[in-house]
Each structure stands twice: as C-alpha cells, then as structure tokens.
Amino acid sequence: MAADESTPVPGTEETPPEAPAQERTLTAKLKPVNKAPGSAPATGDIAEQECGALIMNLGNKLRDFADTAAVIAQLDMVISVDTS
C-alpha cells in the first residue's frame, strides 16, 4: 500500500535543528522499528550510537567486506542510508 499525502511516512518529518542530537539521528528515527516483536537491530557503524536503542555494535568484529556480507546474509532486513 503506497502512502498518500494524508499518510505521513515514518522518519520523514523534519526534526527541529534545536532538538538534542540524539533526536536528530537516523537511529532515533528508527526507534519504532527497534520495538517490533522479534527485532534485534545491529550496526556496522564503528562510532558508538547513544540514543537508548538496543543495538549490537558489530563494527569491531567486521574486518572486511566478506565479514560484512556474511552478517548481512543472516539478516531478514537491512535499512541503510546514503550519506554521500
């Protein structure tokens, strides 16, 4: 079902620039996904994320793209962001 103009898409609303940093992160916007039954969010980001979400940080265990691919192959869903 496609979203129409009356149905807001989660995470697309603007966060005011004066909001605390932890409310302006992608991780904060994905909190509803983290609460889904059976979810176990993980990150390959080496930087520590602090916003109260339960996240397994795999950054120090991933040595190369093969390690990353092996982890991704075990996941049901991957949410990524293009920051270029």
PDB file of N, CA and C in Angstrom:
ATOM      1  N   MET A   1       0.839  -1.172   0.000  1.00  0.00           N
ATOM      2  CA  MET A   1       0.000   0.000   0.000  1.00  0.00           C
ATOM      3  C   MET A   1       0.883   1.234   0.000  1.00  0.00           C
ATOM      4  N   ALA A   2       0.764   2.067  -0.986  1.00  0.00           N
ATOM      5  CA  ALA A   2       1.573   3.281  -1.091  1.00  0.00           C
ATOM      6  C   ALA A   2       1.004   4.364  -0.191  1.00  0.00           C
ATOM      7  N   ALA A   3       1.914   5.159   0.373  1.00  0.00           N
ATOM      8  CA  ALA A   3       1.482   6.269   1.219  1.00  0.00           C
ATOM      9  C   ALA A   3       0.948   7.391   0.344  1.00  0.00           C
ATOM     10  N   ASP A   4      -0.147   8.005   0.786  1.00  0.00           N
ATOM     11  CA  ASP A   4      -0.647   9.172   0.060  1.00  0.00           C
ATOM     12  C   ASP A   4      -0.308  10.427   0.863  1.00  0.00           C
ATOM     13  N   GLU A   5      -0.771  11.579   0.388  1.00  0.00           N
ATOM     14  CA  GLU A   5      -0.416  12.834   1.040  1.00  0.00           C
ATOM     15  C   GLU A   5      -0.917  12.915   2.474  1.00  0.00           C
ATOM     16  N   SER A   6      -1.991  12.214   2.811  1.00  0.00           N
ATOM     17  CA  SER A   6      -2.534  12.281   4.166  1.00  0.00           C
ATOM     18  C   SER A   6      -1.879  11.282   5.113  1.00  0.00           C
ATOM     19  N   THR A   7      -1.060  10.395   4.590  1.00  0.00           N
ATOM     20  CA  THR A   7      -0.400   9.391   5.416  1.00  0.00           C
ATOM     21  C   THR A   7       1.077   9.728   5.543  1.00  0.00           C
ATOM     22  N   PRO A   8       1.504  10.219   6.730  1.00  0.00           N
ATOM     23  CA  PRO A   8       2.925  10.544   6.871  1.00  0.00           C
ATOM     24  C   PRO A   8       3.781   9.281   6.830  1.00  0.00           C
ATOM     25  N   VAL A   9       4.903   9.363   6.184  1.00  0.00           N
ATOM     26  CA  VAL A   9       5.851   8.256   6.132  1.00  0.00           C
ATOM     27  C   VAL A   9       6.761   8.392   7.343  1.00  0.00           C
ATOM     28  N   PRO A  10       6.860   7.358   8.201  1.00  0.00           N
ATOM     29  CA  PRO A  10       7.691   7.472   9.400  1.00  0.00           C
ATOM     30  C   PRO A  10       9.111   7.898   9.067  1.00  0.00           C
ATOM     31  N   GLY A  11       9.639   8.823   9.862  1.00  0.00           N
ATOM     32  CA  GLY A  11      11.013   9.269   9.693  1.00  0.00           C
ATOM     33  C   GLY A  11      11.188  10.396   8.702  1.00  0.00           C
ATOM     34  N   THR A  12      10.108  10.817   8.015  1.00  0.00           N
ATOM     35  CA  THR A  12      10.263  11.875   7.023  1.00  0.00           C
ATOM     36  C   THR A  12       9.956  13.253   7.585  1.00  0.00           C
ATOM     37  N   GLU A  13       9.354  13.298   8.769  1.00  0.00           N
ATOM     38  CA  GLU A  13       9.067  14.598   9.346  1.00  0.00           C
ATOM     39  C   GLU A  13      10.378  15.277   9.753  1.00  0.00           C
ATOM     40  N   GLU A  14      10.400  16.578   9.658  1.00  0.00           N
ATOM     41  CA  GLU A  14      11.603  17.333   9.985  1.00  0.00           C
ATOM     42  C   GLU A  14      11.785  17.403  11.500  1.00  0.00           C
ATOM     43  N   THR A  15      13.001  17.184  11.970  1.00  0.00           N
ATOM     44  CA  THR A  15      13.337  17.376  13.371  1.00  0.00           C
ATOM     45  C   THR A  15      13.938  18.765  13.490  1.00  0.00           C
ATOM     46  N   PRO A  16      13.434  19.590  14.409  1.00  0.00           N
ATOM     47  CA  PRO A  16      13.972  20.949  14.520  1.00  0.00           C
ATOM     48  C   PRO A  16      15.465  20.933  14.840  1.00  0.00           C
ATOM     49  N   PRO A  17      16.238  21.852  14.254  1.00  0.00           N
ATOM     50  CA  PRO A  17      17.685  21.871  14.486  1.00  0.00           C
ATOM     51  C   PRO A  17      18.058  22.105  15.942  1.00  0.00           C
ATOM     52  N   GLU A  18      17.141  22.685  16.724  1.00  0.00           N
ATOM     53  CA  GLU A  18      17.446  22.927  18.138  1.00  0.00           C
ATOM     54  C   GLU A  18      17.200  21.690  19.007  1.00  0.00           C
ATOM     55  N   ALA A  19      16.659  20.623  18.422  1.00  0.00           N
ATOM     56  CA  ALA A  19      16.427  19.382  19.169  1.00  0.00           C
ATOM     57  C   ALA A  19      17.766  18.757  19.548  1.00  0.00           C
ATOM     58  N   PRO A  20      17.806  18.039  20.691  1.00  0.00           N
ATOM     59  CA  PRO A  20      19.053  17.373  21.079  1.00  0.00           C
ATOM     60  C   PRO A  20      19.551  16.440  19.968  1.00  0.00           C
ATOM     61  N   ALA A  21      20.863  16.281  19.874  1.00  0.00           N
ATOM     62  CA  ALA A  21      21.482  15.484  18.805  1.00  0.00           C
ATOM     63  C   ALA A  21      20.908  14.080  18.728  1.00  0.00           C
ATOM     64  N   GLN A  22      20.634  13.451  19.884  1.00  0.00           N
ATOM     65  CA  GLN A  22      20.129  12.077  19.854  1.00  0.00           C
ATOM     66  C   GLN A  22      18.738  11.973  19.257  1.00  0.00           C
ATOM     67  N   GLU A  23      18.015  13.085  19.132  1.00  0.00           N
ATOM     68  CA  GLU A  23      16.708  13.073  18.478  1.00  0.00           C
ATOM     69  C   GLU A  23      16.820  13.346  16.983  1.00  0.00           C
ATOM     70  N   ARG A  24      17.997  13.773  16.508  1.00  0.00           N
ATOM     71  CA  ARG A  24      18.168  14.102  15.096  1.00  0.00           C
ATOM     72  C   ARG A  24      18.869  12.987  14.328  1.00  0.00           C
ATOM     73  N   THR A  25      19.171  11.882  14.959  1.00  0.00           N
ATOM     74  CA  THR A  25      19.898  10.803  14.305  1.00  0.00           C
ATOM     75  C   THR A  25      18.957   9.831  13.611  1.00  0.00           C
ATOM     76  N   LEU A  26      19.475   9.120  12.627  1.00  0.00           N
ATOM     77  CA  LEU A  26      18.693   8.073  11.969  1.00  0.00           C
ATOM     78  C   LEU A  26      18.309   6.999  12.980  1.00  0.00           C
ATOM     79  N   THR A  27      19.221   6.700  13.897  1.00  0.00           N
ATOM     80  CA  THR A  27      18.937   5.685  14.907  1.00  0.00           C
ATOM     81  C   THR A  27      17.710   6.059  15.721  1.00  0.00           C
ATOM     82  N   ALA A  28      17.589   7.334  16.095  1.00  0.00           N
ATOM     83  CA  ALA A  28      16.422   7.786  16.859  1.00  0.00           C
ATOM     84  C   ALA A  28      15.150   7.632  16.036  1.00  0.00           C
ATOM     85  N   LYS A  29      15.225   7.925  14.746  1.00  0.00           N
ATOM     86  CA  LYS A  29      14.044   7.818  13.892  1.00  0.00           C
ATOM     87  C   LYS A  29      13.626   6.362  13.680  1.00  0.00           C
ATOM     88  N   LEU A  30      14.554   5.441  13.873  1.00  0.00           N
ATOM     89  CA  LEU A  30      14.240   4.023  13.686  1.00  0.00           C
ATOM     90  C   LEU A  30      13.793   3.341  14.980  1.00  0.00           C
ATOM     91  N   LYS A  31      13.652   4.111  16.077  1.00  0.00           N
ATOM     92  CA  LYS A  31      13.229   3.504  17.342  1.00  0.00           C
ATOM     93  C   LYS A  31      11.963   2.663  17.211  1.00  0.00           C
ATOM     94  N   PRO A  32      10.930   3.103  16.438  1.00  0.00           N
ATOM     95  CA  PRO A  32       9.747   2.247  16.300  1.00  0.00           C
ATOM     96  C   PRO A  32      10.074   0.878  15.703  1.00  0.00           C
ATOM     97  N   VAL A  33      11.026   0.807  14.794  1.00  0.00           N
ATOM     98  CA  VAL A  33      11.433  -0.476  14.207  1.00  0.00           C
ATOM     99  C   VAL A  33      12.100  -1.329  15.275  1.00  0.00           C
ATOM    100  N   ASN A  34      12.906  -0.700  16.138  1.00  0.00           N
ATOM    101  CA  ASN A  34      13.604  -1.434  17.195  1.00  0.00           C
ATOM    102  C   ASN A  34      12.642  -2.105  18.158  1.00  0.00           C
ATOM    103  N   LYS A  35      11.433  -1.552  18.297  1.00  0.00           N
ATOM    104  CA  LYS A  35      10.451  -2.092  19.238  1.00  0.00           C
ATOM    105  C   LYS A  35       9.590  -3.191  18.623  1.00  0.00           C
ATOM    106  N   ALA A  36       9.775  -3.485  17.354  1.00  0.00           N
ATOM    107  CA  ALA A  36       8.979  -4.515  16.692  1.00  0.00           C
ATOM    108  C   ALA A  36       9.276  -5.878  17.320  1.00  0.00           C
ATOM    109  N   PRO A  37       8.248  -6.695  17.517  1.00  0.00           N
ATOM    110  CA  PRO A  37       8.461  -8.021  18.103  1.00  0.00           C
ATOM    111  C   PRO A  37       9.472  -8.829  17.293  1.00  0.00           C
ATOM    112  N   GLY A  38      10.435  -9.402  17.983  1.00  0.00           N
ATOM    113  CA  GLY A  38      11.424 -10.247  17.334  1.00  0.00           C
ATOM    114  C   GLY A  38      12.565  -9.510  16.674  1.00  0.00           C
ATOM    115  N   SER A  39      12.595  -8.173  16.773  1.00  0.00           N
ATOM    116  CA  SER A  39      13.683  -7.437  16.121  1.00  0.00           C
ATOM    117  C   SER A  39      14.907  -7.408  17.026  1.00  0.00           C
ATOM    118  N   ALA A  40      16.070  -7.414  16.421  1.00  0.00           N
ATOM    119  CA  ALA A  40      17.342  -7.298  17.130  1.00  0.00           C
ATOM    120  C   ALA A  40      18.252  -6.429  16.275  1.00  0.00           C
ATOM    121  N   PRO A  41      18.077  -5.107  16.337  1.00  0.00           N
ATOM    122  CA  PRO A  41      18.859  -4.215  15.483  1.00  0.00           C
ATOM    123  C   PRO A  41      20.357  -4.370  15.711  1.00  0.00           C
ATOM    124  N   ALA A  42      21.108  -4.244  14.646  1.00  0.00           N
ATOM    125  CA  ALA A  42      22.566  -4.311  14.711  1.00  0.00           C
ATOM    126  C   ALA A  42      23.129  -3.183  13.870  1.00  0.00           C
ATOM    127  N   THR A  43      24.349  -2.792  14.167  1.00  0.00           N
ATOM    128  CA  THR A  43      25.002  -1.750  13.392  1.00  0.00           C
ATOM    129  C   THR A  43      26.416  -2.171  13.054  1.00  0.00           C
ATOM    130  N   GLY A  44      26.866  -1.794  11.887  1.00  0.00           N
ATOM    131  CA  GLY A  44      28.254  -1.994  11.496  1.00  0.00           C
ATOM    132  C   GLY A  44      29.038  -0.718  11.681  1.00  0.00           C
ATOM    133  N   ASP A  45      28.364   0.319  12.194  1.00  0.00           N
ATOM    134  CA  ASP A  45      28.992   1.617  12.406  1.00  0.00           C
ATOM    135  C   ASP A  45      30.003   1.502  13.532  1.00  0.00           C
ATOM    136  N   ILE A  46      31.219   1.975  13.291  1.00  0.00           N
ATOM    137  CA  ILE A  46      32.266   1.894  14.300  1.00  0.00           C
ATOM    138  C   ILE A  46      32.016   2.902  15.415  1.00  0.00           C
ATOM    139  N   ALA A  47      31.397   4.046  15.100  1.00  0.00           N
ATOM    140  CA  ALA A  47      31.099   5.052  16.116  1.00  0.00           C
ATOM    141  C   ALA A  47      30.012   4.532  17.049  1.00  0.00           C
ATOM    142  N   GLU A  48      30.156   4.833  18.328  1.00  0.00           N
ATOM    143  CA  GLU A  48      29.152   4.412  19.311  1.00  0.00           C
ATOM    144  C   GLU A  48      27.905   5.269  19.171  1.00  0.00           C
ATOM    145  N   GLN A  49      26.754   4.647  19.075  1.00  0.00           N
ATOM    146  CA  GLN A  49      25.476   5.355  18.959  1.00  0.00           C
ATOM    147  C   GLN A  49      24.823   5.347  20.335  1.00  0.00           C
ATOM    148  N   GLU A  50      24.411   6.523  20.808  1.00  0.00           N
ATOM    149  CA  GLU A  50      23.734   6.594  22.096  1.00  0.00           C
ATOM    150  C   GLU A  50      22.402   7.283  21.942  1.00  0.00           C
ATOM    151  N   CYS A  51      21.344   6.530  21.960  1.00  0.00           N
ATOM    152  CA  CYS A  51      20.006   7.126  21.996  1.00  0.00           C
ATOM    153  C   CYS A  51      19.055   6.188  22.709  1.00  0.00           C
ATOM    154  N   GLY A  52      19.576   5.278  23.490  1.00  0.00           N
ATOM    155  CA  GLY A  52      18.734   4.390  24.265  1.00  0.00           C
ATOM    156  C   GLY A  52      18.216   3.184  23.499  1.00  0.00           C
ATOM    157  N   ALA A  53      18.628   3.004  22.260  1.00  0.00           N
ATOM    158  CA  ALA A  53      18.159   1.867  21.473  1.00  0.00           C
ATOM    159  C   ALA A  53      19.024   0.645  21.773  1.00  0.00           C
ATOM    160  N   LEU A  54      18.412  -0.521  21.683  1.00  0.00           N
ATOM    161  CA  LEU A  54      19.146  -1.769  21.850  1.00  0.00           C
ATOM    162  C   LEU A  54      19.772  -2.109  20.505  1.00  0.00           C
ATOM    163  N   ILE A  55      21.090  -1.929  20.410  1.00  0.00           N
ATOM    164  CA  ILE A  55      21.789  -2.157  19.146  1.00  0.00           C
ATOM    165  C   ILE A  55      23.047  -2.962  19.425  1.00  0.00           C
ATOM    166  N   MET A  56      23.253  -4.010  18.639  1.00  0.00           N
ATOM    167  CA  MET A  56      24.509  -4.749  18.714  1.00  0.00           C
ATOM    168  C   MET A  56      25.503  -4.052  17.794  1.00  0.00           C
ATOM    169  N   ASN A  57      26.602  -3.576  18.344  1.00  0.00           N
ATOM    170  CA  ASN A  57      27.616  -2.916  17.534  1.00  0.00           C
ATOM    171  C   ASN A  57      28.615  -3.967  17.062  1.00  0.00           C
ATOM    172  N   LEU A  58      28.600  -4.250  15.778  1.00  0.00           N
ATOM    173  CA  LEU A  58      29.476  -5.273  15.201  1.00  0.00           C
ATOM    174  C   LEU A  58      30.720  -4.663  14.564  1.00  0.00           C
ATOM    175  N   GLY A  59      30.877  -3.343  14.663  1.00  0.00           N
ATOM    176  CA  GLY A  59      31.967  -2.643  13.987  1.00  0.00           C
ATOM    177  C   GLY A  59      33.347  -3.204  14.274  1.00  0.00           C
ATOM    178  N   ASN A  60      33.615  -3.581  15.523  1.00  0.00           N
ATOM    179  CA  ASN A  60      34.950  -4.078  15.859  1.00  0.00           C
ATOM    180  C   ASN A  60      35.156  -5.538  15.454  1.00  0.00           C
ATOM    181  N   LYS A  61      34.103  -6.207  14.997  1.00  0.00           N
ATOM    182  CA  LYS A  61      34.224  -7.607  14.569  1.00  0.00           C
ATOM    183  C   LYS A  61      34.283  -7.757  13.044  1.00  0.00           C
ATOM    184  N   LEU A  62      33.965  -6.684  12.322  1.00  0.00           N
ATOM    185  CA  LEU A  62      33.958  -6.736  10.858  1.00  0.00           C
ATOM    186  C   LEU A  62      35.316  -6.283  10.335  1.00  0.00           C
ATOM    187  N   ARG A  63      36.065  -7.216   9.753  1.00  0.00           N
ATOM    188  CA  ARG A  63      37.407  -6.899   9.270  1.00  0.00           C
ATOM    189  C   ARG A  63      37.426  -6.475   7.813  1.00  0.00           C
ATOM    190  N   ASP A  64      36.476  -6.981   7.022  1.00  0.00           N
ATOM    191  CA  ASP A  64      36.474  -6.670   5.592  1.00  0.00           C
ATOM    192  C   ASP A  64      35.058  -6.842   5.039  1.00  0.00           C
ATOM    193  N   PHE A  65      34.915  -6.634   3.727  1.00  0.00           N
ATOM    194  CA  PHE A  65      33.594  -6.737   3.111  1.00  0.00           C
ATOM    195  C   PHE A  65      33.030  -8.151   3.188  1.00  0.00           C
ATOM    196  N   ALA A  66      33.884  -9.155   3.224  1.00  0.00           N
ATOM    197  CA  ALA A  66      33.405 -10.539   3.330  1.00  0.00           C
ATOM    198  C   ALA A  66      32.721 -10.761   4.679  1.00  0.00           C
ATOM    199  N   ASP A  67      33.298 -10.220   5.757  1.00  0.00           N
ATOM    200  CA  ASP A  67      32.666 -10.321   7.073  1.00  0.00           C
ATOM    201  C   ASP A  67      31.318  -9.609   7.070  1.00  0.00           C
ATOM    202  N   THR A  68      31.289  -8.420   6.469  1.00  0.00           N
ATOM    203  CA  THR A  68      30.048  -7.649   6.393  1.00  0.00           C
ATOM    204  C   THR A  68      28.995  -8.412   5.599  1.00  0.00           C
ATOM    205  N   ALA A  69      29.387  -8.988   4.476  1.00  0.00           N
ATOM    206  CA  ALA A  69      28.458  -9.753   3.641  1.00  0.00           C
ATOM    207  C   ALA A  69      27.922 -10.967   4.396  1.00  0.00           C
ATOM    208  N   ALA A  70      28.768 -11.617   5.184  1.00  0.00           N
ATOM    209  CA  ALA A  70      28.334 -12.785   5.952  1.00  0.00           C
ATOM    210  C   ALA A  70      27.271 -12.395   6.983  1.00  0.00           C
ATOM    211  N   VAL A  71      27.440 -11.243   7.623  1.00  0.00           N
ATOM    212  CA  VAL A  71      26.442 -10.776   8.590  1.00  0.00           C
ATOM    213  C   VAL A  71      25.143 -10.433   7.872  1.00  0.00           C
ATOM    214  N   ILE A  72      25.240  -9.678   6.783  1.00  0.00           N
ATOM    215  CA  ILE A  72      24.047  -9.252   6.046  1.00  0.00           C
ATOM    216  C   ILE A  72      23.258 -10.453   5.526  1.00  0.00           C
ATOM    217  N   ALA A  73      23.959 -11.514   5.133  1.00  0.00           N
ATOM    218  CA  ALA A  73      23.291 -12.712   4.618  1.00  0.00           C
ATOM    219  C   ALA A  73      22.399 -13.365   5.676  1.00  0.00           C
ATOM    220  N   GLN A  74      22.668 -13.107   6.953  1.00  0.00           N
ATOM    221  CA  GLN A  74      21.891 -13.700   8.043  1.00  0.00           C
ATOM    222  C   GLN A  74      20.705 -12.837   8.472  1.00  0.00           C
ATOM    223  N   LEU A  75      20.592 -11.626   7.925  1.00  0.00           N
ATOM    224  CA  LEU A  75      19.549 -10.690   8.352  1.00  0.00           C
ATOM    225  C   LEU A  75      18.282 -10.841   7.524  1.00  0.00           C
ATOM    226  N   ASP A  76      17.156 -10.520   8.134  1.00  0.00           N
ATOM    227  CA  ASP A  76      15.876 -10.510   7.426  1.00  0.00           C
ATOM    228  C   ASP A  76      15.668  -9.202   6.679  1.00  0.00           C
ATOM    229  N   MET A  77      16.234  -8.118   7.207  1.00  0.00           N
ATOM    230  CA  MET A  77      16.030  -6.806   6.603  1.00  0.00           C
ATOM    231  C   MET A  77      17.244  -5.930   6.889  1.00  0.00           C
ATOM    232  N   VAL A  78      17.601  -5.099   5.914  1.00  0.00           N
ATOM    233  CA  VAL A  78      18.691  -4.143   6.070  1.00  0.00           C
ATOM    234  C   VAL A  78      18.139  -2.760   5.762  1.00  0.00           C
ATOM    235  N   ILE A  79      18.356  -1.823   6.678  1.00  0.00           N
ATOM    236  CA  ILE A  79      17.990  -0.428   6.449  1.00  0.00           C
ATOM    237  C   ILE A  79      19.296   0.338   6.376  1.00  0.00           C
ATOM    238  N   SER A  80      19.481   1.051   5.298  1.00  0.00           N
ATOM    239  CA  SER A  80      20.734   1.762   5.075  1.00  0.00           C
ATOM    240  C   SER A  80      20.434   3.193   4.671  1.00  0.00           C
ATOM    241  N   VAL A  81      21.447   4.029   4.716  1.00  0.00           N
ATOM    242  CA  VAL A  81      21.299   5.425   4.326  1.00  0.00           C
ATOM    243  C   VAL A  81      22.473   5.804   3.435  1.00  0.00           C
ATOM    244  N   ASP A  82      22.188   6.577   2.405  1.00  0.00           N
ATOM    245  CA  ASP A  82      23.231   7.082   1.512  1.00  0.00           C
ATOM    246  C   ASP A  82      23.621   8.458   2.015  1.00  0.00           C
ATOM    247  N   THR A  83      24.833   8.602   2.501  1.00  0.00           N
ATOM    248  CA  THR A  83      25.265   9.876   3.077  1.00  0.00           C
ATOM    249  C   THR A  83      26.200  10.653   2.169  1.00  0.00           C
ATOM    250  N   SER A  84      26.297  10.234   0.905  1.00  0.00           N
ATOM    251  CA  SER A  84      27.222  10.926   0.007  1.00  0.00           C
ATOM    252  C   SER A  84      26.692  12.266  -0.441  1.00  0.00           C
TER     253      SER A  84
END
